[in-house]
Protein backbone atom coordinates (compact mmCIF):
# COMPACT_ATOMS: atom_id res chain seq x y z
CA MET A 1 -9.98 25.89 -37.27
CA LYS A 2 -10.24 22.68 -34.95
CA VAL A 3 -8.59 23.23 -31.46
CA ARG A 4 -7.54 19.98 -29.77
CA VAL A 5 -7.84 19.63 -26.03
CA GLY A 6 -5.01 17.59 -24.11
CA ILE A 7 -1.54 16.69 -24.43
CA SER A 8 -0.10 14.47 -27.29
CA GLN A 9 3.23 13.01 -27.86
CA LYS A 10 4.49 11.05 -30.69
CA GLY A 11 4.29 7.41 -30.19
CA TRP A 12 2.32 7.54 -26.91
CA LYS A 13 -1.23 6.56 -26.62
CA ALA A 14 -2.98 7.64 -23.33
CA SER A 15 -5.47 4.59 -22.18
CA VAL A 16 -7.34 4.31 -19.03
CA ARG A 17 -6.37 1.47 -17.10
CA PRO A 18 -8.45 0.95 -14.02
CA LEU A 19 -6.34 -1.59 -12.36
CA ALA A 20 -3.46 1.03 -12.36
CA ALA A 21 -6.07 3.34 -10.59
CA LEU A 22 -6.90 0.72 -8.21
CA LEU A 23 -3.46 -0.33 -7.25
CA GLY A 24 -2.54 3.48 -6.77
CA ILE A 25 -5.44 3.58 -4.58
CA VAL A 26 -4.36 0.30 -2.51
CA MET A 27 -0.52 1.55 -2.57
CA GLY A 28 -1.47 5.22 -1.18
CA SER A 29 -3.77 3.96 1.27
CA SER A 30 -1.08 1.29 2.62
CA VAL A 31 1.64 3.94 2.66
CA ALA A 32 -0.72 6.00 4.95
CA LEU A 33 -1.33 3.16 7.15
CA LEU A 34 2.34 2.42 7.28
CA ALA A 35 3.20 6.00 8.40
CA GLY A 36 0.47 6.31 10.93
CA LEU A 37 1.70 2.78 12.67
CA VAL A 38 5.25 4.01 12.53
CA MET A 39 4.32 7.23 14.25
CA THR A 40 2.17 5.30 16.85
CA LEU A 41 5.27 3.41 17.62
CA LEU A 42 7.32 6.24 17.99
CA VAL A 43 4.90 7.45 20.55
CA PHE A 44 5.09 4.32 22.35
CA LEU A 45 8.93 4.55 22.42
CA LEU A 46 9.08 8.27 23.52
CA LEU A 47 6.86 7.53 26.45
CA PRO A 48 8.76 5.57 28.63
CA GLU A 49 6.55 6.23 31.66
CA PHE A 50 3.73 4.52 30.35
CA ARG A 51 5.58 1.39 29.13
CA ASP A 52 3.89 -0.85 31.51
CA ARG A 53 0.52 0.19 30.27
CA LEU A 54 1.36 0.04 26.93
CA ALA A 55 3.29 -3.24 27.02
CA PRO A 56 0.53 -5.33 26.02
CA GLU A 57 -0.12 -3.55 22.88
CA PHE A 58 3.42 -3.46 21.54
CA ARG A 59 3.52 -6.72 20.02
CA PRO A 60 0.32 -6.42 18.14
CA LEU A 61 1.62 -2.85 16.97
CA LEU A 62 4.92 -4.67 15.53
CA LEU A 63 2.82 -7.42 13.55
CA ALA A 64 0.33 -4.52 12.28
CA ILE A 65 3.52 -2.66 11.08
CA ALA A 66 4.93 -5.96 9.48
CA TRP A 67 1.75 -6.44 7.67
CA ALA A 68 1.82 -2.75 6.52
CA VAL A 69 5.42 -2.96 4.83
CA LEU A 70 4.23 -6.19 3.15
CA LEU A 71 1.27 -4.74 1.65
CA THR A 72 3.00 -1.55 0.66
CA ALA A 73 5.86 -3.22 -0.84
CA VAL A 74 3.99 -5.57 -3.16
CA SER A 75 1.37 -3.10 -3.98
CA ALA A 76 4.19 -0.51 -5.11
CA ALA A 77 5.79 -3.10 -6.86
CA GLY A 78 2.53 -3.97 -8.72
CA PHE A 79 1.67 -0.42 -9.28
CA PHE A 80 5.14 -0.04 -10.63
CA GLY A 81 4.71 -2.71 -12.93
CA GLU A 82 1.30 -1.80 -14.18
CA LEU A 83 2.45 1.62 -15.12
CA ARG A 84 5.42 0.44 -17.00
CA LEU A 85 3.62 -2.64 -18.69
CA ARG A 86 6.30 -4.83 -17.24
CA ARG A 87 6.04 -8.76 -17.79
CA TRP A 88 6.31 -9.31 -14.15
CA ARG A 89 3.60 -7.17 -12.97
CA TRP A 90 1.15 -10.08 -12.55
CA GLY A 91 3.01 -11.68 -9.76
CA PRO A 92 3.23 -8.72 -7.59
CA GLN A 93 -0.47 -7.68 -8.35
CA LEU A 94 -1.41 -11.21 -7.52
CA ALA A 95 0.65 -10.97 -4.40
CA THR A 96 -1.20 -7.79 -3.37
CA ALA A 97 -4.73 -9.55 -3.55
CA ILE A 98 -3.34 -12.38 -1.54
CA VAL A 99 -2.10 -9.80 0.98
CA LEU A 100 -5.39 -8.10 1.13
CA VAL A 101 -7.33 -11.24 1.56
CA ALA A 102 -4.92 -12.38 4.25
CA LEU A 103 -5.20 -8.95 6.03
CA GLY A 104 -8.95 -9.35 6.06
CA TRP A 105 -8.55 -12.92 7.46
CA HIS A 106 -6.31 -12.06 10.26
CA TYR A 107 -8.13 -8.81 11.17
CA TRP A 108 -11.90 -9.89 10.69
CA PRO A 109 -13.61 -9.97 13.99
CA ALA A 110 -14.42 -13.19 15.41
């Protein structure tokens, strides 16, 4: 008697897709980054007594939140498209790569 390990369904073939795993890592990291930045913004807003000291950091924080929202949106779209094997998945995946390079270019120390 042979015992099979795993789950099989009719018409479904499991395959390893490294790009889906990579996009999942990028998406998860960007969501965590966005959550941290939004929580930092909340701290800024809830500490009005330090408004003068924190004022120079407010604009860069908003810019970082905008970058994180953009990265999260394109990586989530690329991840969903890759999992569902949609035709349009290459656009968001290319956009994810472009946003990652742009982020590196923007934040790379001079």
